[in-house]
Amino acid sequence: GVGPRERRVLEILDAEQPDLIVVTGDSLAGYGGTY
């Protein structure tokens, strides 16, 4: 979910304003992680 680490990522993206965002896999948090 959106915790301290994810909030820092969002801060970086907000500052950089990229044209394109790509996510190269493994968003799930291992066993027990949910979509």
PDB file of all heavy atoms in Angstrom:
ATOM      1  N   GLY A   1       0.840  -1.184   0.000  1.00  0.00           N
ATOM      2  CA  GLY A   1       0.000   0.000   0.000  1.00  0.00           C
ATOM      3  C   GLY A   1       0.880   1.240   0.000  1.00  0.00           C
ATOM      4  O   GLY A   1       2.082   1.175  -0.237  1.00  0.00           O
ATOM      5  N   VAL A   2       0.275   2.377   0.270  1.00  0.00           N
ATOM      6  CA  VAL A   2       1.008   3.644   0.216  1.00  0.00           C
ATOM      7  C   VAL A   2       1.568   3.954   1.600  1.00  0.00           C
ATOM      8  O   VAL A   2       0.909   4.537   2.453  1.00  0.00           O
ATOM      9  CB  VAL A   2       0.111   4.794  -0.292  1.00  0.00           C
ATOM     10  CG1 VAL A   2       0.917   6.085  -0.383  1.00  0.00           C
ATOM     11  CG2 VAL A   2      -0.470   4.442  -1.658  1.00  0.00           C
ATOM     12  N   GLY A   3       2.819   3.515   1.816  1.00  0.00           N
ATOM     13  CA  GLY A   3       3.522   3.786   3.059  1.00  0.00           C
ATOM     14  C   GLY A   3       4.612   4.820   2.842  1.00  0.00           C
ATOM     15  O   GLY A   3       4.644   5.507   1.814  1.00  0.00           O
ATOM     16  N   PRO A   4       5.540   4.968   3.795  1.00  0.00           N
ATOM     17  CA  PRO A   4       6.605   5.979   3.676  1.00  0.00           C
ATOM     18  C   PRO A   4       7.450   5.824   2.421  1.00  0.00           C
ATOM     19  O   PRO A   4       7.812   6.811   1.781  1.00  0.00           O
ATOM     20  CB  PRO A   4       7.449   5.741   4.935  1.00  0.00           C
ATOM     21  CG  PRO A   4       6.532   5.077   5.899  1.00  0.00           C
ATOM     22  CD  PRO A   4       5.598   4.242   5.081  1.00  0.00           C
ATOM     23  N   ARG A   5       7.774   4.598   2.049  1.00  0.00           N
ATOM     24  CA  ARG A   5       8.599   4.375   0.863  1.00  0.00           C
ATOM     25  C   ARG A   5       7.844   4.796  -0.400  1.00  0.00           C
ATOM     26  O   ARG A   5       8.392   5.480  -1.270  1.00  0.00           O
ATOM     27  CB  ARG A   5       9.004   2.914   0.796  1.00  0.00           C
ATOM     28  CG  ARG A   5       9.982   2.591  -0.308  1.00  0.00           C
ATOM     29  CD  ARG A   5      10.620   1.226  -0.118  1.00  0.00           C
ATOM     30  NE  ARG A   5       9.672   0.204   0.274  1.00  0.00           N
ATOM     31  CZ  ARG A   5       9.717  -0.467   1.434  1.00  0.00           C
ATOM     32  NH1 ARG A   5      10.661  -0.217   2.314  1.00  0.00           N
ATOM     33  NH2 ARG A   5       8.824  -1.387   1.719  1.00  0.00           N
ATOM     34  N   GLU A   6       6.588   4.404  -0.484  1.00  0.00           N
ATOM     35  CA  GLU A   6       5.789   4.754  -1.663  1.00  0.00           C
ATOM     36  C   GLU A   6       5.553   6.261  -1.737  1.00  0.00           C
ATOM     37  O   GLU A   6       5.554   6.836  -2.836  1.00  0.00           O
ATOM     38  CB  GLU A   6       4.452   4.008  -1.629  1.00  0.00           C
ATOM     39  CG  GLU A   6       4.563   2.510  -1.883  1.00  0.00           C
ATOM     40  CD  GLU A   6       5.022   1.714  -0.664  1.00  0.00           C
ATOM     41  OE1 GLU A   6       5.082   2.307   0.446  1.00  0.00           O
ATOM     42  OE2 GLU A   6       5.314   0.515  -0.808  1.00  0.00           O
ATOM     43  N   ARG A   7       5.356   6.901  -0.587  1.00  0.00           N
ATOM     44  CA  ARG A   7       5.155   8.357  -0.605  1.00  0.00           C
ATOM     45  C   ARG A   7       6.397   9.066  -1.124  1.00  0.00           C
ATOM     46  O   ARG A   7       6.308  10.068  -1.837  1.00  0.00           O
ATOM     47  CB  ARG A   7       4.780   8.854   0.790  1.00  0.00           C
ATOM     48  CG  ARG A   7       3.343   8.521   1.179  1.00  0.00           C
ATOM     49  CD  ARG A   7       2.891   9.313   2.388  1.00  0.00           C
ATOM     50  NE  ARG A   7       3.563   8.875   3.603  1.00  0.00           N
ATOM     51  CZ  ARG A   7       3.106   7.906   4.398  1.00  0.00           C
ATOM     52  NH1 ARG A   7       1.998   7.268   4.081  1.00  0.00           N
ATOM     53  NH2 ARG A   7       3.755   7.569   5.499  1.00  0.00           N
ATOM     54  N   ARG A   8       7.582   8.549  -0.781  1.00  0.00           N
ATOM     55  CA  ARG A   8       8.819   9.150  -1.292  1.00  0.00           C
ATOM     56  C   ARG A   8       8.915   8.975  -2.810  1.00  0.00           C
ATOM     57  O   ARG A   8       9.326   9.898  -3.517  1.00  0.00           O
ATOM     58  CB  ARG A   8      10.026   8.496  -0.599  1.00  0.00           C
ATOM     59  CG  ARG A   8      11.368   8.955  -1.129  1.00  0.00           C
ATOM     60  CD  ARG A   8      11.560  10.449  -1.010  1.00  0.00           C
ATOM     61  NE  ARG A   8      12.801  10.873  -1.647  1.00  0.00           N
ATOM     62  CZ  ARG A   8      12.970  12.033  -2.251  1.00  0.00           C
ATOM     63  NH1 ARG A   8      11.961  12.909  -2.325  1.00  0.00           N
ATOM     64  NH2 ARG A   8      14.130  12.336  -2.797  1.00  0.00           N
ATOM     65  N   VAL A   9       8.503   7.821  -3.316  1.00  0.00           N
ATOM     66  CA  VAL A   9       8.480   7.605  -4.767  1.00  0.00           C
ATOM     67  C   VAL A   9       7.556   8.620  -5.435  1.00  0.00           C
ATOM     68  O   VAL A   9       7.912   9.230  -6.460  1.00  0.00           O
ATOM     69  CB  VAL A   9       8.027   6.168  -5.098  1.00  0.00           C
ATOM     70  CG1 VAL A   9       7.795   6.005  -6.605  1.00  0.00           C
ATOM     71  CG2 VAL A   9       9.053   5.161  -4.609  1.00  0.00           C
ATOM     72  N   LEU A  10       6.392   8.826  -4.862  1.00  0.00           N
ATOM     73  CA  LEU A  10       5.434   9.775  -5.435  1.00  0.00           C
ATOM     74  C   LEU A  10       5.983  11.202  -5.392  1.00  0.00           C
ATOM     75  O   LEU A  10       5.741  11.992  -6.326  1.00  0.00           O
ATOM     76  CB  LEU A  10       4.106   9.692  -4.684  1.00  0.00           C
ATOM     77  CG  LEU A  10       3.352   8.360  -4.840  1.00  0.00           C
ATOM     78  CD1 LEU A  10       2.139   8.327  -3.911  1.00  0.00           C
ATOM     79  CD2 LEU A  10       2.925   8.140  -6.288  1.00  0.00           C
ATOM     80  N   GLU A  11       6.719  11.544  -4.346  1.00  0.00           N
ATOM     81  CA  GLU A  11       7.356  12.867  -4.281  1.00  0.00           C
ATOM     82  C   GLU A  11       8.345  13.055  -5.423  1.00  0.00           C
ATOM     83  O   GLU A  11       8.398  14.120  -6.048  1.00  0.00           O
ATOM     84  CB  GLU A  11       8.069  13.043  -2.940  1.00  0.00           C
ATOM     85  CG  GLU A  11       7.154  13.224  -1.755  1.00  0.00           C
ATOM     86  CD  GLU A  11       7.919  13.251  -0.441  1.00  0.00           C
ATOM     87  OE1 GLU A  11       9.167  13.154  -0.479  1.00  0.00           O
ATOM     88  OE2 GLU A  11       7.274  13.369   0.619  1.00  0.00           O
ATOM     89  N   ILE A  12       9.132  12.030  -5.691  1.00  0.00           N
ATOM     90  CA  ILE A  12      10.110  12.098  -6.788  1.00  0.00           C
ATOM     91  C   ILE A  12       9.391  12.268  -8.117  1.00  0.00           C
ATOM     92  O   ILE A  12       9.763  13.124  -8.942  1.00  0.00           O
ATOM     93  CB  ILE A  12      11.000  10.844  -6.802  1.00  0.00           C
ATOM     94  CG1 ILE A  12      11.910  10.831  -5.568  1.00  0.00           C
ATOM     95  CG2 ILE A  12      11.832  10.780  -8.081  1.00  0.00           C
ATOM     96  CD1 ILE A  12      12.691   9.539  -5.396  1.00  0.00           C
ATOM     97  N   LEU A  13       8.346  11.480  -8.345  1.00  0.00           N
ATOM     98  CA  LEU A  13       7.620  11.569  -9.605  1.00  0.00           C
ATOM     99  C   LEU A  13       6.943  12.924  -9.754  1.00  0.00           C
ATOM    100  O   LEU A  13       6.902  13.497 -10.857  1.00  0.00           O
ATOM    101  CB  LEU A  13       6.580  10.456  -9.687  1.00  0.00           C
ATOM    102  CG  LEU A  13       7.137   9.028  -9.739  1.00  0.00           C
ATOM    103  CD1 LEU A  13       5.999   8.016  -9.698  1.00  0.00           C
ATOM    104  CD2 LEU A  13       7.994   8.813 -10.976  1.00  0.00           C
ATOM    105  N   ASP A  14       6.430  13.459  -8.671  1.00  0.00           N
ATOM    106  CA  ASP A  14       5.786  14.771  -8.715  1.00  0.00           C
ATOM    107  C   ASP A  14       6.797  15.861  -9.068  1.00  0.00           C
ATOM    108  O   ASP A  14       6.487  16.795  -9.816  1.00  0.00           O
ATOM    109  CB  ASP A  14       5.128  15.069  -7.365  1.00  0.00           C
ATOM    110  CG  ASP A  14       4.312  16.351  -7.407  1.00  0.00           C
ATOM    111  OD1 ASP A  14       3.412  16.447  -8.261  1.00  0.00           O
ATOM    112  OD2 ASP A  14       4.587  17.256  -6.594  1.00  0.00           O
ATOM    113  N   ALA A  15       8.017  15.719  -8.560  1.00  0.00           N
ATOM    114  CA  ALA A  15       9.057  16.711  -8.854  1.00  0.00           C
ATOM    115  C   ALA A  15       9.575  16.570 -10.283  1.00  0.00           C
ATOM    116  O   ALA A  15       9.880  17.566 -10.946  1.00  0.00           O
ATOM    117  CB  ALA A  15      10.205  16.562  -7.866  1.00  0.00           C
ATOM    118  N   GLU A  16       9.674  15.332 -10.787  1.00  0.00           N
ATOM    119  CA  GLU A  16      10.276  15.086 -12.100  1.00  0.00           C
ATOM    120  C   GLU A  16       9.294  15.254 -13.252  1.00  0.00           C
ATOM    121  O   GLU A  16       9.692  15.564 -14.374  1.00  0.00           O
ATOM    122  CB  GLU A  16      10.884  13.686 -12.147  1.00  0.00           C
ATOM    123  CG  GLU A  16      12.050  13.478 -11.210  1.00  0.00           C
ATOM    124  CD  GLU A  16      13.196  14.413 -11.523  1.00  0.00           C
ATOM    125  OE1 GLU A  16      13.377  14.785 -12.708  1.00  0.00           O
ATOM    126  OE2 GLU A  16      13.909  14.779 -10.581  1.00  0.00           O
ATOM    127  N   GLN A  17       8.005  15.015 -13.003  1.00  0.00           N
ATOM    128  CA  GLN A  17       6.988  15.125 -14.047  1.00  0.00           C
ATOM    129  C   GLN A  17       7.386  14.360 -15.317  1.00  0.00           C
ATOM    130  O   GLN A  17       7.535  14.945 -16.399  1.00  0.00           O
ATOM    131  CB  GLN A  17       6.726  16.597 -14.372  1.00  0.00           C
ATOM    132  CG  GLN A  17       6.093  17.392 -13.248  1.00  0.00           C
ATOM    133  CD  GLN A  17       4.676  16.930 -12.940  1.00  0.00           C
ATOM    134  OE1 GLN A  17       3.805  16.947 -13.814  1.00  0.00           O
ATOM    135  NE2 GLN A  17       4.426  16.517 -11.712  1.00  0.00           N
ATOM    136  N   PRO A  18       7.577  13.053 -15.238  1.00  0.00           N
ATOM    137  CA  PRO A  18       7.983  12.295 -16.425  1.00  0.00           C
ATOM    138  C   PRO A  18       6.882  12.249 -17.473  1.00  0.00           C
ATOM    139  O   PRO A  18       5.694  12.360 -17.168  1.00  0.00           O
ATOM    140  CB  PRO A  18       8.265  10.899 -15.857  1.00  0.00           C
ATOM    141  CG  PRO A  18       7.383  10.810 -14.648  1.00  0.00           C
ATOM    142  CD  PRO A  18       7.368  12.187 -14.060  1.00  0.00           C
ATOM    143  N   ASP A  19       7.299  12.054 -18.733  1.00  0.00           N
ATOM    144  CA  ASP A  19       6.333  11.887 -19.818  1.00  0.00           C
ATOM    145  C   ASP A  19       5.704  10.502 -19.784  1.00  0.00           C
ATOM    146  O   ASP A  19       4.583  10.310 -20.244  1.00  0.00           O
ATOM    147  CB  ASP A  19       7.028  12.075 -21.171  1.00  0.00           C
ATOM    148  CG  ASP A  19       7.677  13.437 -21.305  1.00  0.00           C
ATOM    149  OD1 ASP A  19       6.999  14.443 -21.036  1.00  0.00           O
ATOM    150  OD2 ASP A  19       8.874  13.491 -21.655  1.00  0.00           O
ATOM    151  N   LEU A  20       6.458   9.543 -19.261  1.00  0.00           N
ATOM    152  CA  LEU A  20       6.055   8.141 -19.311  1.00  0.00           C
ATOM    153  C   LEU A  20       6.543   7.441 -18.046  1.00  0.00           C
ATOM    154  O   LEU A  20       7.672   7.666 -17.604  1.00  0.00           O
ATOM    155  CB  LEU A  20       6.694   7.488 -20.548  1.00  0.00           C
ATOM    156  CG  LEU A  20       6.633   5.965 -20.713  1.00  0.00           C
ATOM    157  CD1 LEU A  20       5.205   5.523 -21.016  1.00  0.00           C
ATOM    158  CD2 LEU A  20       7.581   5.518 -21.829  1.00  0.00           C
ATOM    159  N   ILE A  21       5.692   6.608 -17.449  1.00  0.00           N
ATOM    160  CA  ILE A  21       6.080   5.802 -16.288  1.00  0.00           C
ATOM    161  C   ILE A  21       5.964   4.333 -16.670  1.00  0.00           C
ATOM    162  O   ILE A  21       4.924   3.894 -17.192  1.00  0.00           O
ATOM    163  CB  ILE A  21       5.187   6.093 -15.064  1.00  0.00           C
ATOM    164  CG1 ILE A  21       5.329   7.551 -14.619  1.00  0.00           C
ATOM    165  CG2 ILE A  21       5.544   5.150 -13.903  1.00  0.00           C
ATOM    166  CD1 ILE A  21       4.372   7.956 -13.505  1.00  0.00           C
ATOM    167  N   VAL A  22       7.033   3.574 -16.425  1.00  0.00           N
ATOM    168  CA  VAL A  22       6.994   2.125 -16.675  1.00  0.00           C
ATOM    169  C   VAL A  22       7.307   1.405 -15.367  1.00  0.00           C
ATOM    170  O   VAL A  22       8.134   1.843 -14.577  1.00  0.00           O
ATOM    171  CB  VAL A  22       7.978   1.714 -17.788  1.00  0.00           C
ATOM    172  CG1 VAL A  22       7.612   2.410 -19.086  1.00  0.00           C
ATOM    173  CG2 VAL A  22       9.415   2.009 -17.422  1.00  0.00           C
ATOM    174  N   VAL A  23       6.633   0.288 -15.152  1.00  0.00           N
ATOM    175  CA  VAL A  23       6.834  -0.546 -13.967  1.00  0.00           C
ATOM    176  C   VAL A  23       7.249  -1.926 -14.450  1.00  0.00           C
ATOM    177  O   VAL A  23       6.445  -2.644 -15.064  1.00  0.00           O
ATOM    178  CB  VAL A  23       5.556  -0.638 -13.112  1.00  0.00           C
ATOM    179  CG1 VAL A  23       5.831  -1.411 -11.824  1.00  0.00           C
ATOM    180  CG2 VAL A  23       5.013   0.760 -12.790  1.00  0.00           C
ATOM    181  N   THR A  24       8.500  -2.306 -14.168  1.00  0.00           N
ATOM    182  CA  THR A  24       9.019  -3.565 -14.720  1.00  0.00           C
ATOM    183  C   THR A  24       8.875  -4.731 -13.736  1.00  0.00           C
ATOM    184  O   THR A  24       9.835  -5.414 -13.395  1.00  0.00           O
ATOM    185  CB  THR A  24      10.479  -3.389 -15.166  1.00  0.00           C
ATOM    186  OG1 THR A  24      11.230  -2.745 -14.137  1.00  0.00           O
ATOM    187  CG2 THR A  24      10.570  -2.568 -16.431  1.00  0.00           C
ATOM    188  N   GLY A  25       7.637  -4.948 -13.285  1.00  0.00           N
ATOM    189  CA  GLY A  25       7.292  -6.171 -12.576  1.00  0.00           C
ATOM    190  C   GLY A  25       7.492  -6.176 -11.079  1.00  0.00           C
ATOM    191  O   GLY A  25       8.128  -5.315 -10.497  1.00  0.00           O
ATOM    192  N   ASP A  26       6.892  -7.187 -10.462  1.00  0.00           N
ATOM    193  CA  ASP A  26       6.971  -7.465  -9.023  1.00  0.00           C
ATOM    194  C   ASP A  26       6.445  -6.318  -8.161  1.00  0.00           C
ATOM    195  O   ASP A  26       7.121  -5.815  -7.270  1.00  0.00           O
ATOM    196  CB  ASP A  26       8.404  -7.817  -8.612  1.00  0.00           C
ATOM    197  CG  ASP A  26       8.701  -9.296  -8.781  1.00  0.00           C
ATOM    198  OD1 ASP A  26       7.884  -9.994  -9.407  1.00  0.00           O
ATOM    199  OD2 ASP A  26       9.756  -9.746  -8.304  1.00  0.00           O
ATOM    200  N   SER A  27       5.201  -5.962  -8.405  1.00  0.00           N
ATOM    201  CA  SER A  27       4.547  -5.002  -7.512  1.00  0.00           C
ATOM    202  C   SER A  27       4.007  -5.683  -6.265  1.00  0.00           C
ATOM    203  O   SER A  27       3.909  -5.068  -5.201  1.00  0.00           O
ATOM    204  CB  SER A  27       3.405  -4.287  -8.242  1.00  0.00           C
ATOM    205  OG  SER A  27       3.912  -3.448  -9.248  1.00  0.00           O
ATOM    206  N   LEU A  28       3.631  -6.958  -6.382  1.00  0.00           N
ATOM    207  CA  LEU A  28       3.108  -7.694  -5.232  1.00  0.00           C
ATOM    208  C   LEU A  28       4.165  -7.844  -4.141  1.00  0.00           C
ATOM    209  O   LEU A  28       5.354  -8.011  -4.420  1.00  0.00           O
ATOM    210  CB  LEU A  28       2.647  -9.081  -5.662  1.00  0.00           C
ATOM    211  CG  LEU A  28       1.279  -9.175  -6.332  1.00  0.00           C
ATOM    212  CD1 LEU A  28       1.063 -10.570  -6.878  1.00  0.00           C
ATOM    213  CD2 LEU A  28       0.165  -8.820  -5.357  1.00  0.00           C
ATOM    214  N   ALA A  29       3.705  -7.818  -2.906  1.00  0.00           N
ATOM    215  CA  ALA A  29       4.617  -7.898  -1.750  1.00  0.00           C
ATOM    216  C   ALA A  29       4.797  -9.329  -1.286  1.00  0.00           C
ATOM    217  O   ALA A  29       4.583  -9.659  -0.125  1.00  0.00           O
ATOM    218  CB  ALA A  29       4.096  -7.035  -0.609  1.00  0.00           C
ATOM    219  N   GLY A  30       5.170 -10.216  -2.185  1.00  0.00           N
ATOM    220  CA  GLY A  30       5.443 -11.583  -1.771  1.00  0.00           C
ATOM    221  C   GLY A  30       4.173 -12.303  -1.340  1.00  0.00           C
ATOM    222  O   GLY A  30       3.052 -11.878  -1.599  1.00  0.00           O
ATOM    223  N   TYR A  31       4.342 -13.421  -0.651  1.00  0.00           N
ATOM    224  CA  TYR A  31       3.194 -14.198  -0.190  1.00  0.00           C
ATOM    225  C   TYR A  31       2.409 -13.382   0.837  1.00  0.00           C
ATOM    226  O   TYR A  31       2.954 -12.836   1.779  1.00  0.00           O
ATOM    227  CB  TYR A  31       3.655 -15.518   0.404  1.00  0.00           C
ATOM    228  CG  TYR A  31       4.309 -16.416  -0.618  1.00  0.00           C
ATOM    229  CD1 TYR A  31       5.679 -16.660  -0.576  1.00  0.00           C
ATOM    230  CD2 TYR A  31       3.555 -16.984  -1.642  1.00  0.00           C
ATOM    231  CE1 TYR A  31       6.280 -17.464  -1.529  1.00  0.00           C
ATOM    232  CE2 TYR A  31       4.151 -17.787  -2.604  1.00  0.00           C
ATOM    233  CZ  TYR A  31       5.516 -18.028  -2.539  1.00  0.00           C
ATOM    234  OH  TYR A  31       6.109 -18.808  -3.485  1.00  0.00           O
ATOM    235  N   GLY A  32       1.120 -13.305   0.604  1.00  0.00           N
ATOM    236  CA  GLY A  32       0.274 -12.499   1.472  1.00  0.00           C
ATOM    237  C   GLY A  32       0.018 -11.116   0.931  1.00  0.00           C
ATOM    238  O   GLY A  32      -0.902 -10.431   1.385  1.00  0.00           O
ATOM    239  N   GLY A  33       0.819 -10.675  -0.042  1.00  0.00           N
ATOM    240  CA  GLY A  33       0.568  -9.389  -0.674  1.00  0.00           C
ATOM    241  C   GLY A  33      -0.675  -9.469  -1.554  1.00  0.00           C
ATOM    242  O   GLY A  33      -1.019 -10.527  -2.082  1.00  0.00           O
ATOM    243  N   THR A  34      -1.365  -8.343  -1.708  1.00  0.00           N
ATOM    244  CA  THR A  34      -2.621  -8.349  -2.466  1.00  0.00           C
ATOM    245  C   THR A  34      -2.566  -7.358  -3.618  1.00  0.00           C
ATOM    246  O   THR A  34      -1.839  -6.360  -3.579  1.00  0.00           O
ATOM    247  CB  THR A  34      -3.809  -7.983  -1.562  1.00  0.00           C
ATOM    248  OG1 THR A  34      -3.706  -6.593  -1.181  1.00  0.00           O
ATOM    249  CG2 THR A  34      -3.832  -8.850  -0.310  1.00  0.00           C
ATOM    250  N   TYR A  35      -3.361  -7.633  -4.625  1.00  0.00           N
ATOM    251  CA  TYR A  35      -3.465  -6.720  -5.753  1.00  0.00           C
ATOM    252  C   TYR A  35      -4.135  -5.414  -5.343  1.00  0.00           C
ATOM    253  O   TYR A  35      -3.870  -4.367  -5.930  1.00  0.00           O
ATOM    254  CB  TYR A  35      -4.221  -7.385  -6.899  1.00  0.00           C
ATOM    255  CG  TYR A  35      -3.348  -8.321  -7.707  1.00  0.00           C
ATOM    256  CD1 TYR A  35      -3.279  -9.677  -7.402  1.00  0.00           C
ATOM    257  CD2 TYR A  35      -2.585  -7.846  -8.762  1.00  0.00           C
ATOM    258  CE1 TYR A  35      -2.475 -10.538  -8.137  1.00  0.00           C
ATOM    259  CE2 TYR A  35      -1.770  -8.695  -9.506  1.00  0.00           C
ATOM    260  CZ  TYR A  35      -1.724 -10.040  -9.176  1.00  0.00           C
ATOM    261  OH  TYR A  35      -0.908 -10.885  -9.913  1.00  0.00           O
TER     262      TYR A  35
END
